[in-house]
């Protein structure tokens, strides 16, 4: 009987196809990363990247419910936005960032963000 062999061949074909799709997806994701010389998107839709170290301090009174103005001098442009603190955990804060009628929420590692925080 050829049915068991057919199922095995079909399983290998399906597994091989899924593996190929996964490899292409990873390759495509790596190729879509910003090339040198491209401008990064910065703002509520694409917040600043941060680098994590062991420091875990937040500004004084950085508590849920407070609102803060953030200003940075990073290259290529200085920028600022306002954020409402929703939750904190160590040096991390879940912020609702808003600027120019747009908003986005996410976790930020506040101690390593290059800029200045002012309570509003």
PDB file of N, CA and C in Angstrom:
ATOM      1  N   UNK A   1       0.827  -1.185   0.000  1.00  0.00           N
ATOM      2  CA  UNK A   1       0.000   0.000   0.000  1.00  0.00           C
ATOM      3  C   UNK A   1       0.871   1.248   0.000  1.00  0.00           C
ATOM      4  N   UNK A   2       0.480   2.222  -0.785  1.00  0.00           N
ATOM      5  CA  UNK A   2       1.251   3.454  -0.920  1.00  0.00           C
ATOM      6  C   UNK A   2       0.726   4.605  -0.053  1.00  0.00           C
ATOM      7  N   UNK A   3      -0.399   4.422   0.619  1.00  0.00           N
ATOM      8  CA  UNK A   3      -0.972   5.524   1.388  1.00  0.00           C
ATOM      9  C   UNK A   3      -0.064   6.004   2.520  1.00  0.00           C
ATOM     10  N   UNK A   4       0.525   5.133   3.344  1.00  0.00           N
ATOM     11  CA  UNK A   4       1.394   5.653   4.397  1.00  0.00           C
ATOM     12  C   UNK A   4       2.580   6.428   3.830  1.00  0.00           C
ATOM     13  N   UNK A   5       3.167   5.970   2.739  1.00  0.00           N
ATOM     14  CA  UNK A   5       4.296   6.673   2.133  1.00  0.00           C
ATOM     15  C   UNK A   5       3.833   8.026   1.580  1.00  0.00           C
ATOM     16  N   UNK A   6       2.641   8.073   1.003  1.00  0.00           N
ATOM     17  CA  UNK A   6       2.095   9.321   0.477  1.00  0.00           C
ATOM     18  C   UNK A   6       1.934  10.337   1.605  1.00  0.00           C
ATOM     19  N   UNK A   7       1.435   9.910   2.759  1.00  0.00           N
ATOM     20  CA  UNK A   7       1.276  10.823   3.894  1.00  0.00           C
ATOM     21  C   UNK A   7       2.636  11.330   4.366  1.00  0.00           C
ATOM     22  N   UNK A   8       3.630  10.460   4.408  1.00  0.00           N
ATOM     23  CA  UNK A   8       4.968  10.863   4.826  1.00  0.00           C
ATOM     24  C   UNK A   8       5.552  11.863   3.841  1.00  0.00           C
ATOM     25  N   UNK A   9       5.422  11.602   2.544  1.00  0.00           N
ATOM     26  CA  UNK A   9       5.923  12.535   1.548  1.00  0.00           C
ATOM     27  C   UNK A   9       5.191  13.868   1.626  1.00  0.00           C
ATOM     28  N   UNK A  10       3.902  13.847   1.831  1.00  0.00           N
ATOM     29  CA  UNK A  10       3.121  15.083   1.940  1.00  0.00           C
ATOM     30  C   UNK A  10       3.543  15.863   3.186  1.00  0.00           C
ATOM     31  N   UNK A  11       3.777  15.157   4.296  1.00  0.00           N
ATOM     32  CA  UNK A  11       4.216  15.821   5.526  1.00  0.00           C
ATOM     33  C   UNK A  11       5.567  16.483   5.323  1.00  0.00           C
ATOM     34  N   UNK A  12       6.483  15.784   4.648  1.00  0.00           N
ATOM     35  CA  UNK A  12       7.792  16.368   4.377  1.00  0.00           C
ATOM     36  C   UNK A  12       7.672  17.597   3.475  1.00  0.00           C
ATOM     37  N   UNK A  13       6.792  17.495   2.499  1.00  0.00           N
ATOM     38  CA  UNK A  13       6.594  18.615   1.584  1.00  0.00           C
ATOM     39  C   UNK A  13       6.022  19.828   2.330  1.00  0.00           C
ATOM     40  N   UNK A  14       5.038  19.608   3.189  1.00  0.00           N
ATOM     41  CA  UNK A  14       4.436  20.697   3.961  1.00  0.00           C
ATOM     42  C   UNK A  14       5.470  21.293   4.907  1.00  0.00           C
ATOM     43  N   UNK A  15       6.205  20.435   5.612  1.00  0.00           N
ATOM     44  CA  UNK A  15       7.227  20.919   6.537  1.00  0.00           C
ATOM     45  C   UNK A  15       8.312  21.705   5.793  1.00  0.00           C
ATOM     46  N   UNK A  16       8.748  21.202   4.671  1.00  0.00           N
ATOM     47  CA  UNK A  16       9.758  21.897   3.867  1.00  0.00           C
ATOM     48  C   UNK A  16       9.255  23.243   3.381  1.00  0.00           C
ATOM     49  N   UNK A  17       8.002  23.296   2.963  1.00  0.00           N
ATOM     50  CA  UNK A  17       7.418  24.565   2.507  1.00  0.00           C
ATOM     51  C   UNK A  17       7.331  25.581   3.629  1.00  0.00           C
ATOM     52  N   UNK A  18       6.906  25.129   4.814  1.00  0.00           N
ATOM     53  CA  UNK A  18       6.818  26.038   5.959  1.00  0.00           C
ATOM     54  C   UNK A  18       8.207  26.530   6.376  1.00  0.00           C
ATOM     55  N   UNK A  19       9.194  25.644   6.335  1.00  0.00           N
ATOM     56  CA  UNK A  19      10.565  26.046   6.672  1.00  0.00           C
ATOM     57  C   UNK A  19      11.076  27.079   5.672  1.00  0.00           C
ATOM     58  N   UNK A  20      10.790  26.884   4.398  1.00  0.00           N
ATOM     59  CA  UNK A  20      11.222  27.841   3.375  1.00  0.00           C
ATOM     60  C   UNK A  20      10.557  29.204   3.580  1.00  0.00           C
ATOM     61  N   UNK A  21       9.284  29.205   3.914  1.00  0.00           N
ATOM     62  CA  UNK A  21       8.570  30.457   4.168  1.00  0.00           C
ATOM     63  C   UNK A  21       9.176  31.178   5.370  1.00  0.00           C
ATOM     64  N   UNK A  22       9.496  30.428   6.434  1.00  0.00           N
ATOM     65  CA  UNK A  22      10.090  31.037   7.631  1.00  0.00           C
ATOM     66  C   UNK A  22      11.451  31.641   7.308  1.00  0.00           C
ATOM     67  N   UNK A  23      12.253  30.932   6.540  1.00  0.00           N
ATOM     68  CA  UNK A  23      13.580  31.444   6.170  1.00  0.00           C
ATOM     69  C   UNK A  23      13.452  32.711   5.339  1.00  0.00           C
ATOM     70  N   UNK A  24      12.530  32.719   4.388  1.00  0.00           N
ATOM     71  CA  UNK A  24      12.328  33.911   3.564  1.00  0.00           C
ATOM     72  C   UNK A  24      11.810  35.090   4.387  1.00  0.00           C
ATOM     73  N   UNK A  25      10.951  34.806   5.369  1.00  0.00           N
ATOM     74  CA  UNK A  25      10.423  35.879   6.219  1.00  0.00           C
ATOM     75  C   UNK A  25      11.542  36.516   7.044  1.00  0.00           C
ATOM     76  N   UNK A  26      12.421  35.692   7.619  1.00  0.00           N
ATOM     77  CA  UNK A  26      13.537  36.219   8.404  1.00  0.00           C
ATOM     78  C   UNK A  26      14.486  37.000   7.506  1.00  0.00           C
ATOM     79  N   UNK A  27      14.788  36.470   6.355  1.00  0.00           N
ATOM     80  CA  UNK A  27      15.674  37.155   5.413  1.00  0.00           C
ATOM     81  C   UNK A  27      15.068  38.497   4.991  1.00  0.00           C
ATOM     82  N   UNK A  28      13.776  38.507   4.697  1.00  0.00           N
ATOM     83  CA  UNK A  28      13.109  39.746   4.296  1.00  0.00           C
ATOM     84  C   UNK A  28      13.092  40.771   5.410  1.00  0.00           C
ATOM     85  N   UNK A  29      12.905  40.331   6.656  1.00  0.00           N
ATOM     86  CA  UNK A  29      12.904  41.260   7.785  1.00  0.00           C
ATOM     87  C   UNK A  29      14.277  41.893   7.955  1.00  0.00           C
ATOM     88  N   UNK A  30      15.333  41.114   7.749  1.00  0.00           N
ATOM     89  CA  UNK A  30      16.675  41.667   7.871  1.00  0.00           C
ATOM     90  C   UNK A  30      16.957  42.659   6.746  1.00  0.00           C
ATOM     91  N   UNK A  31      16.478  42.387   5.569  1.00  0.00           N
ATOM     92  CA  UNK A  31      16.725  43.280   4.435  1.00  0.00           C
ATOM     93  C   UNK A  31      15.927  44.566   4.548  1.00  0.00           C
ATOM     94  N   UNK A  32      14.788  44.536   5.273  1.00  0.00           N
ATOM     95  CA  UNK A  32      13.959  45.735   5.370  1.00  0.00           C
ATOM     96  C   UNK A  32      14.432  46.681   6.470  1.00  0.00           C
ATOM     97  N   UNK A  33      15.457  46.309   7.229  1.00  0.00           N
ATOM     98  CA  UNK A  33      16.004  47.212   8.248  1.00  0.00           C
ATOM     99  C   UNK A  33      16.571  48.446   7.554  1.00  0.00           C
ATOM    100  N   UNK A  34      16.575  49.550   8.282  1.00  0.00           N
ATOM    101  CA  UNK A  34      17.035  50.817   7.696  1.00  0.00           C
ATOM    102  C   UNK A  34      18.480  50.701   7.233  1.00  0.00           C
ATOM    103  N   UNK A  35      18.710  51.092   6.015  1.00  0.00           N
ATOM    104  CA  UNK A  35      20.062  51.092   5.461  1.00  0.00           C
ATOM    105  C   UNK A  35      20.801  52.324   5.956  1.00  0.00           C
ATOM    106  N   UNK A  36      22.136  52.278   6.006  1.00  0.00           N
ATOM    107  CA  UNK A  36      22.887  53.470   6.417  1.00  0.00           C
ATOM    108  C   UNK A  36      22.517  54.661   5.540  1.00  0.00           C
ATOM    109  N   UNK A  37      22.334  55.806   6.179  1.00  0.00           N
ATOM    110  CA  UNK A  37      21.988  57.006   5.437  1.00  0.00           C
ATOM    111  C   UNK A  37      20.495  57.278   5.389  1.00  0.00           C
ATOM    112  N   UNK A  38      19.649  56.300   5.753  1.00  0.00           N
ATOM    113  CA  UNK A  38      18.212  56.538   5.766  1.00  0.00           C
ATOM    114  C   UNK A  38      17.833  57.247   7.055  1.00  0.00           C
ATOM    115  N   UNK A  39      16.840  58.115   6.984  1.00  0.00           N
ATOM    116  CA  UNK A  39      16.365  58.808   8.168  1.00  0.00           C
ATOM    117  C   UNK A  39      15.462  57.883   8.961  1.00  0.00           C
ATOM    118  N   UNK A  40      15.640  57.835  10.261  1.00  0.00           N
ATOM    119  CA  UNK A  40      14.785  57.030  11.127  1.00  0.00           C
ATOM    120  C   UNK A  40      13.494  57.790  11.388  1.00  0.00           C
ATOM    121  N   UNK A  41      12.428  57.058  11.555  1.00  0.00           N
ATOM    122  CA  UNK A  41      11.164  57.663  11.922  1.00  0.00           C
ATOM    123  C   UNK A  41      11.132  57.822  13.432  1.00  0.00           C
ATOM    124  N   UNK A  42      10.898  59.027  13.912  1.00  0.00           N
ATOM    125  CA  UNK A  42      10.904  59.303  15.340  1.00  0.00           C
ATOM    126  C   UNK A  42       9.604  59.995  15.711  1.00  0.00           C
ATOM    127  N   UNK A  43       8.988  59.590  16.804  1.00  0.00           N
ATOM    128  CA  UNK A  43       7.773  60.205  17.303  1.00  0.00           C
ATOM    129  C   UNK A  43       6.859  59.161  17.916  1.00  0.00           C
ATOM    130  N   UNK A  44       5.616  59.518  18.195  1.00  0.00           N
ATOM    131  CA  UNK A  44       4.709  58.566  18.844  1.00  0.00           C
ATOM    132  C   UNK A  44       4.508  57.282  18.053  1.00  0.00           C
ATOM    133  N   UNK A  45       4.552  57.353  16.739  1.00  0.00           N
ATOM    134  CA  UNK A  45       4.380  56.143  15.935  1.00  0.00           C
ATOM    135  C   UNK A  45       5.609  55.255  15.920  1.00  0.00           C
ATOM    136  N   UNK A  46       6.775  55.807  16.165  1.00  0.00           N
ATOM    137  CA  UNK A  46       8.033  55.057  16.159  1.00  0.00           C
ATOM    138  C   UNK A  46       8.959  55.695  17.188  1.00  0.00           C
ATOM    139  N   UNK A  47       8.806  55.343  18.459  1.00  0.00           N
ATOM    140  CA  UNK A  47       9.584  56.020  19.494  1.00  0.00           C
ATOM    141  C   UNK A  47      11.076  55.722  19.422  1.00  0.00           C
ATOM    142  N   UNK A  48      11.843  56.500  20.154  1.00  0.00           N
ATOM    143  CA  UNK A  48      13.288  56.357  20.174  1.00  0.00           C
ATOM    144  C   UNK A  48      13.716  54.972  20.637  1.00  0.00           C
ATOM    145  N   UNK A  49      14.746  54.425  20.034  1.00  0.00           N
ATOM    146  CA  UNK A  49      15.310  53.197  20.594  1.00  0.00           C
ATOM    147  C   UNK A  49      16.060  53.537  21.878  1.00  0.00           C
ATOM    148  N   UNK A  50      16.076  52.619  22.806  1.00  0.00           N
ATOM    149  CA  UNK A  50      16.800  52.838  24.050  1.00  0.00           C
ATOM    150  C   UNK A  50      17.737  51.670  24.295  1.00  0.00           C
ATOM    151  N   UNK A  51      18.786  51.911  25.048  1.00  0.00           N
ATOM    152  CA  UNK A  51      19.739  50.876  25.389  1.00  0.00           C
ATOM    153  C   UNK A  51      19.619  50.587  26.873  1.00  0.00           C
ATOM    154  N   UNK A  52      19.477  49.337  27.241  1.00  0.00           N
ATOM    155  CA  UNK A  52      19.235  48.950  28.622  1.00  0.00           C
ATOM    156  C   UNK A  52      20.553  48.680  29.336  1.00  0.00           C
ATOM    157  N   UNK A  53      20.704  49.274  30.508  1.00  0.00           N
ATOM    158  CA  UNK A  53      21.813  48.976  31.407  1.00  0.00           C
ATOM    159  C   UNK A  53      21.204  48.668  32.771  1.00  0.00           C
ATOM    160  N   UNK A  54      22.022  48.435  33.760  1.00  0.00           N
ATOM    161  CA  UNK A  54      21.499  48.021  35.056  1.00  0.00           C
ATOM    162  C   UNK A  54      20.922  49.143  35.905  1.00  0.00           C
ATOM    163  N   UNK A  55      21.116  50.396  35.529  1.00  0.00           N
ATOM    164  CA  UNK A  55      20.569  51.518  36.284  1.00  0.00           C
ATOM    165  C   UNK A  55      19.047  51.464  36.266  1.00  0.00           C
ATOM    166  N   UNK A  56      18.412  51.730  37.412  1.00  0.00           N
ATOM    167  CA  UNK A  56      16.956  51.599  37.466  1.00  0.00           C
ATOM    168  C   UNK A  56      16.290  52.787  38.145  1.00  0.00           C
ATOM    169  N   UNK A  57      16.748  53.988  37.899  1.00  0.00           N
ATOM    170  CA  UNK A  57      16.159  55.142  38.559  1.00  0.00           C
ATOM    171  C   UNK A  57      15.263  55.915  37.595  1.00  0.00           C
ATOM    172  N   UNK A  58      14.183  56.407  38.130  1.00  0.00           N
ATOM    173  CA  UNK A  58      13.252  57.250  37.374  1.00  0.00           C
ATOM    174  C   UNK A  58      13.327  58.660  37.951  1.00  0.00           C
ATOM    175  N   UNK A  59      12.903  59.663  37.194  1.00  0.00           N
ATOM    176  CA  UNK A  59      12.841  61.013  37.772  1.00  0.00           C
ATOM    177  C   UNK A  59      11.943  61.023  39.016  1.00  0.00           C
ATOM    178  N   UNK A  60      12.195  61.967  39.928  1.00  0.00           N
ATOM    179  CA  UNK A  60      11.346  62.096  41.122  1.00  0.00           C
ATOM    180  C   UNK A  60       9.896  62.295  40.711  1.00  0.00           C
ATOM    181  N   UNK A  61       8.986  61.677  41.436  1.00  0.00           N
ATOM    182  CA  UNK A  61       7.535  61.773  41.196  1.00  0.00           C
ATOM    183  C   UNK A  61       7.099  61.199  39.854  1.00  0.00           C
ATOM    184  N   UNK A  62       7.880  60.315  39.260  1.00  0.00           N
ATOM    185  CA  UNK A  62       7.505  59.651  38.011  1.00  0.00           C
ATOM    186  C   UNK A  62       6.584  58.495  38.383  1.00  0.00           C
ATOM    187  N   UNK A  63       5.307  58.816  38.611  1.00  0.00           N
ATOM    188  CA  UNK A  63       4.336  57.848  39.128  1.00  0.00           C
ATOM    189  C   UNK A  63       3.140  57.763  38.191  1.00  0.00           C
ATOM    190  N   UNK A  64       2.397  56.641  38.247  1.00  0.00           N
ATOM    191  CA  UNK A  64       1.198  56.534  37.408  1.00  0.00           C
ATOM    192  C   UNK A  64       0.257  57.715  37.625  1.00  0.00           C
ATOM    193  N   UNK A  65      -0.265  58.231  36.534  1.00  0.00           N
ATOM    194  CA  UNK A  65      -1.168  59.374  36.566  1.00  0.00           C
ATOM    195  C   UNK A  65      -0.479  60.702  36.324  1.00  0.00           C
ATOM    196  N   UNK A  66       0.847  60.751  36.437  1.00  0.00           N
ATOM    197  CA  UNK A  66       1.553  62.020  36.206  1.00  0.00           C
ATOM    198  C   UNK A  66       1.798  62.220  34.709  1.00  0.00           C
ATOM    199  N   UNK A  67       1.965  63.476  34.328  1.00  0.00           N
ATOM    200  CA  UNK A  67       2.209  63.842  32.933  1.00  0.00           C
ATOM    201  C   UNK A  67       3.555  64.552  32.850  1.00  0.00           C
ATOM    202  N   UNK A  68       4.340  64.174  31.829  1.00  0.00           N
ATOM    203  CA  UNK A  68       5.692  64.689  31.679  1.00  0.00           C
ATOM    204  C   UNK A  68       5.932  65.143  30.253  1.00  0.00           C
ATOM    205  N   UNK A  69       6.769  66.156  30.116  1.00  0.00           N
ATOM    206  CA  UNK A  69       7.229  66.637  28.808  1.00  0.00           C
ATOM    207  C   UNK A  69       8.658  66.130  28.625  1.00  0.00           C
ATOM    208  N   UNK A  70       8.928  65.505  27.482  1.00  0.00           N
ATOM    209  CA  UNK A  70      10.260  64.988  27.195  1.00  0.00           C
ATOM    210  C   UNK A  70      10.862  65.791  26.058  1.00  0.00           C
ATOM    211  N   UNK A  71      12.112  66.220  26.230  1.00  0.00           N
ATOM    212  CA  UNK A  71      12.841  66.935  25.186  1.00  0.00           C
ATOM    213  C   UNK A  71      14.171  66.227  24.969  1.00  0.00           C
ATOM    214  N   UNK A  72      14.545  66.076  23.718  1.00  0.00           N
ATOM    215  CA  UNK A  72      15.816  65.447  23.407  1.00  0.00           C
ATOM    216  C   UNK A  72      16.565  66.264  22.373  1.00  0.00           C
ATOM    217  N   UNK A  73      17.845  66.084  22.345  1.00  0.00           N
ATOM    218  CA  UNK A  73      18.707  66.827  21.422  1.00  0.00           C
ATOM    219  C   UNK A  73      19.404  65.872  20.458  1.00  0.00           C
ATOM    220  N   UNK A  74      18.841  64.707  20.253  1.00  0.00           N
ATOM    221  CA  UNK A  74      19.485  63.714  19.400  1.00  0.00           C
ATOM    222  C   UNK A  74      19.541  64.176  17.954  1.00  0.00           C
ATOM    223  N   UNK A  75      20.515  63.668  17.236  1.00  0.00           N
ATOM    224  CA  UNK A  75      20.709  63.985  15.822  1.00  0.00           C
ATOM    225  C   UNK A  75      19.722  63.150  15.023  1.00  0.00           C
ATOM    226  N   UNK A  76      19.047  63.611  13.999  1.00  0.00           N
ATOM    227  CA  UNK A  76      19.308  64.839  13.275  1.00  0.00           C
ATOM    228  C   UNK A  76      18.568  66.047  13.818  1.00  0.00           C
ATOM    229  N   UNK A  77      17.524  65.872  14.601  1.00  0.00           N
ATOM    230  CA  UNK A  77      16.745  67.016  15.063  1.00  0.00           C
ATOM    231  C   UNK A  77      16.445  66.902  16.550  1.00  0.00           C
ATOM    232  N   UNK A  78      16.291  68.050  17.189  1.00  0.00           N
ATOM    233  CA  UNK A  78      15.756  68.065  18.541  1.00  0.00           C
ATOM    234  C   UNK A  78      14.256  67.801  18.433  1.00  0.00           C
ATOM    235  N   UNK A  79      13.705  67.161  19.423  1.00  0.00           N
ATOM    236  CA  UNK A  79      12.263  66.893  19.393  1.00  0.00           C
ATOM    237  C   UNK A  79      11.730  66.865  20.811  1.00  0.00           C
ATOM    238  N   UNK A  80      10.430  66.970  20.924  1.00  0.00           N
ATOM    239  CA  UNK A  80       9.799  66.882  22.241  1.00  0.00           C
ATOM    240  C   UNK A  80       8.399  66.310  22.073  1.00  0.00           C
ATOM    241  N   UNK A  81       7.919  65.695  23.150  1.00  0.00           N
ATOM    242  CA  UNK A  81       6.568  65.171  23.188  1.00  0.00           C
ATOM    243  C   UNK A  81       6.114  65.053  24.635  1.00  0.00           C
ATOM    244  N   UNK A  82       4.844  64.824  24.829  1.00  0.00           N
ATOM    245  CA  UNK A  82       4.268  64.710  26.164  1.00  0.00           C
ATOM    246  C   UNK A  82       3.837  63.274  26.398  1.00  0.00           C
ATOM    247  N   UNK A  83       3.987  62.817  27.639  1.00  0.00           N
ATOM    248  CA  UNK A  83       3.622  61.439  27.966  1.00  0.00           C
ATOM    249  C   UNK A  83       2.900  61.389  29.303  1.00  0.00           C
ATOM    250  N   UNK A  84       1.908  60.535  29.368  1.00  0.00           N
ATOM    251  CA  UNK A  84       1.204  60.268  30.625  1.00  0.00           C
ATOM    252  C   UNK A  84       1.684  58.912  31.119  1.00  0.00           C
ATOM    253  N   UNK A  85       2.106  58.854  32.370  1.00  0.00           N
ATOM    254  CA  UNK A  85       2.610  57.613  32.955  1.00  0.00           C
ATOM    255  C   UNK A  85       1.424  56.737  33.339  1.00  0.00           C
ATOM    256  N   UNK A  86       1.383  55.523  32.792  1.00  0.00           N
ATOM    257  CA  UNK A  86       0.314  54.577  33.106  1.00  0.00           C
ATOM    258  C   UNK A  86       0.755  53.575  34.179  1.00  0.00           C
ATOM    259  N   UNK A  87       1.985  53.022  34.029  1.00  0.00           N
ATOM    260  CA  UNK A  87       2.523  52.041  34.984  1.00  0.00           C
ATOM    261  C   UNK A  87       4.036  52.204  35.042  1.00  0.00           C
ATOM    262  N   UNK A  88       4.633  51.792  36.161  1.00  0.00           N
ATOM    263  CA  UNK A  88       6.091  51.781  36.281  1.00  0.00           C
ATOM    264  C   UNK A  88       6.529  50.438  36.855  1.00  0.00           C
ATOM    265  N   UNK A  89       7.730  50.009  36.453  1.00  0.00           N
ATOM    266  CA  UNK A  89       8.324  48.782  36.960  1.00  0.00           C
ATOM    267  C   UNK A  89       9.839  48.921  36.859  1.00  0.00           C
ATOM    268  N   UNK A  90      10.491  49.162  38.007  1.00  0.00           N
ATOM    269  CA  UNK A  90      11.934  49.413  37.983  1.00  0.00           C
ATOM    270  C   UNK A  90      12.216  50.684  37.203  1.00  0.00           C
ATOM    271  N   UNK A  91      13.086  50.591  36.227  1.00  0.00           N
ATOM    272  CA  UNK A  91      13.383  51.737  35.374  1.00  0.00           C
ATOM    273  C   UNK A  91      12.452  51.849  34.177  1.00  0.00           C
ATOM    274  N   UNK A  92      11.536  50.906  34.031  1.00  0.00           N
ATOM    275  CA  UNK A  92      10.603  50.894  32.901  1.00  0.00           C
ATOM    276  C   UNK A  92       9.327  51.642  33.243  1.00  0.00           C
ATOM    277  N   UNK A  93       8.763  52.298  32.249  1.00  0.00           N
ATOM    278  CA  UNK A  93       7.484  52.983  32.421  1.00  0.00           C
ATOM    279  C   UNK A  93       6.625  52.727  31.185  1.00  0.00           C
ATOM    280  N   UNK A  94       5.348  52.407  31.414  1.00  0.00           N
ATOM    281  CA  UNK A  94       4.397  52.258  30.322  1.00  0.00           C
ATOM    282  C   UNK A  94       3.780  53.631  30.115  1.00  0.00           C
ATOM    283  N   UNK A  95       4.110  54.262  28.986  1.00  0.00           N
ATOM    284  CA  UNK A  95       3.719  55.638  28.728  1.00  0.00           C
ATOM    285  C   UNK A  95       2.717  55.736  27.592  1.00  0.00           C
ATOM    286  N   UNK A  96       1.788  56.665  27.729  1.00  0.00           N
ATOM    287  CA  UNK A  96       0.912  57.050  26.633  1.00  0.00           C
ATOM    288  C   UNK A  96       1.517  58.336  26.079  1.00  0.00           C
ATOM    289  N   UNK A  97       2.216  58.219  24.950  1.00  0.00           N
ATOM    290  CA  UNK A  97       2.927  59.334  24.337  1.00  0.00           C
ATOM    291  C   UNK A  97       1.997  60.007  23.336  1.00  0.00           C
ATOM    292  N   UNK A  98       1.910  61.325  23.410  1.00  0.00           N
ATOM    293  CA  UNK A  98       1.069  62.036  22.446  1.00  0.00           C
ATOM    294  C   UNK A  98       1.728  63.333  22.012  1.00  0.00           C
ATOM    295  N   UNK A  99       1.492  63.640  20.743  1.00  0.00           N
ATOM    296  CA  UNK A  99       2.055  64.857  20.147  1.00  0.00           C
ATOM    297  C   UNK A  99       1.311  65.129  18.851  1.00  0.00           C
ATOM    298  N   UNK A 100       0.920  66.347  18.640  1.00  0.00           N
ATOM    299  CA  UNK A 100       0.259  66.781  17.399  1.00  0.00           C
ATOM    300  C   UNK A 100      -0.957  65.923  17.058  1.00  0.00           C
ATOM    301  N   UNK A 101      -1.770  65.615  18.058  1.00  0.00           N
ATOM    302  CA  UNK A 101      -3.006  64.877  17.802  1.00  0.00           C
ATOM    303  C   UNK A 101      -2.842  63.376  17.644  1.00  0.00           C
ATOM    304  N   UNK A 102      -1.620  62.872  17.715  1.00  0.00           N
ATOM    305  CA  UNK A 102      -1.395  61.421  17.612  1.00  0.00           C
ATOM    306  C   UNK A 102      -0.950  60.902  18.961  1.00  0.00           C
ATOM    307  N   UNK A 103      -1.271  59.632  19.225  1.00  0.00           N
ATOM    308  CA  UNK A 103      -0.800  59.044  20.472  1.00  0.00           C
ATOM    309  C   UNK A 103      -0.478  57.574  20.261  1.00  0.00           C
ATOM    310  N   UNK A 104       0.378  57.067  21.141  1.00  0.00           N
ATOM    311  CA  UNK A 104       0.767  55.665  21.121  1.00  0.00           C
ATOM    312  C   UNK A 104       1.211  55.300  22.522  1.00  0.00           C
ATOM    313  N   UNK A 105       1.001  54.055  22.902  1.00  0.00           N
ATOM    314  CA  UNK A 105       1.404  53.594  24.223  1.00  0.00           C
ATOM    315  C   UNK A 105       2.441  52.495  24.094  1.00  0.00           C
ATOM    316  N   UNK A 106       3.328  52.420  25.074  1.00  0.00           N
ATOM    317  CA  UNK A 106       4.329  51.368  25.071  1.00  0.00           C
ATOM    318  C   UNK A 106       5.254  51.488  26.266  1.00  0.00           C
ATOM    319  N   UNK A 107       6.082  50.450  26.457  1.00  0.00           N
ATOM    320  CA  UNK A 107       7.056  50.432  27.544  1.00  0.00           C
ATOM    321  C   UNK A 107       8.331  51.144  27.098  1.00  0.00           C
ATOM    322  N   UNK A 108       8.866  51.998  27.963  1.00  0.00           N
ATOM    323  CA  UNK A 108      10.093  52.745  27.706  1.00  0.00           C
ATOM    324  C   UNK A 108      11.043  52.554  28.885  1.00  0.00           C
ATOM    325  N   UNK A 109      12.330  52.415  28.599  1.00  0.00           N
ATOM    326  CA  UNK A 109      13.336  52.370  29.665  1.00  0.00           C
ATOM    327  C   UNK A 109      13.809  53.800  29.877  1.00  0.00           C
ATOM    328  N   UNK A 110      13.195  54.473  30.797  1.00  0.00           N
ATOM    329  CA  UNK A 110      13.335  55.912  30.989  1.00  0.00           C
ATOM    330  C   UNK A 110      14.757  56.356  31.349  1.00  0.00           C
ATOM    331  N   UNK A 111      15.495  55.654  32.246  1.00  0.00           N
ATOM    332  CA  UNK A 111      16.813  56.168  32.634  1.00  0.00           C
ATOM    333  C   UNK A 111      17.792  56.337  31.474  1.00  0.00           C
ATOM    334  N   UNK A 112      17.639  55.605  30.411  1.00  0.00           N
ATOM    335  CA  UNK A 112      18.600  55.674  29.316  1.00  0.00           C
ATOM    336  C   UNK A 112      18.091  56.437  28.102  1.00  0.00           C
ATOM    337  N   UNK A 113      16.999  57.172  28.242  1.00  0.00           N
ATOM    338  CA  UNK A 113      16.504  57.969  27.128  1.00  0.00           C
ATOM    339  C   UNK A 113      17.291  59.277  27.092  1.00  0.00           C
ATOM    340  N   UNK A 114      17.924  59.576  25.971  1.00  0.00           N
ATOM    341  CA  UNK A 114      18.781  60.768  25.906  1.00  0.00           C
ATOM    342  C   UNK A 114      17.969  62.051  25.823  1.00  0.00           C
ATOM    343  N   UNK A 115      17.766  62.683  26.962  1.00  0.00           N
ATOM    344  CA  UNK A 115      16.985  63.910  26.972  1.00  0.00           C
ATOM    345  C   UNK A 115      16.661  64.360  28.378  1.00  0.00           C
ATOM    346  N   UNK A 116      15.671  65.230  28.489  1.00  0.00           N
ATOM    347  CA  UNK A 116      15.292  65.823  29.762  1.00  0.00           C
ATOM    348  C   UNK A 116      13.778  65.661  29.971  1.00  0.00           C
ATOM    349  N   UNK A 117      13.399  65.281  31.175  1.00  0.00           N
ATOM    350  CA  UNK A 117      11.989  65.132  31.559  1.00  0.00           C
ATOM    351  C   UNK A 117      11.582  66.296  32.438  1.00  0.00           C
ATOM    352  N   UNK A 118      10.422  66.914  32.154  1.00  0.00           N
ATOM    353  CA  UNK A 118       9.868  67.983  32.988  1.00  0.00           C
ATOM    354  C   UNK A 118       8.426  67.639  33.316  1.00  0.00           C
ATOM    355  N   UNK A 119       8.104  67.680  34.598  1.00  0.00           N
ATOM    356  CA  UNK A 119       6.727  67.378  35.012  1.00  0.00           C
ATOM    357  C   UNK A 119       5.794  68.491  34.563  1.00  0.00           C
ATOM    358  N   UNK A 120       4.633  68.119  34.056  1.00  0.00           N
ATOM    359  CA  UNK A 120       3.624  69.091  33.580  1.00  0.00           C
ATOM    360  C   UNK A 120       2.534  69.288  34.597  1.00  0.00           C
TER     361      UNK A 120
END
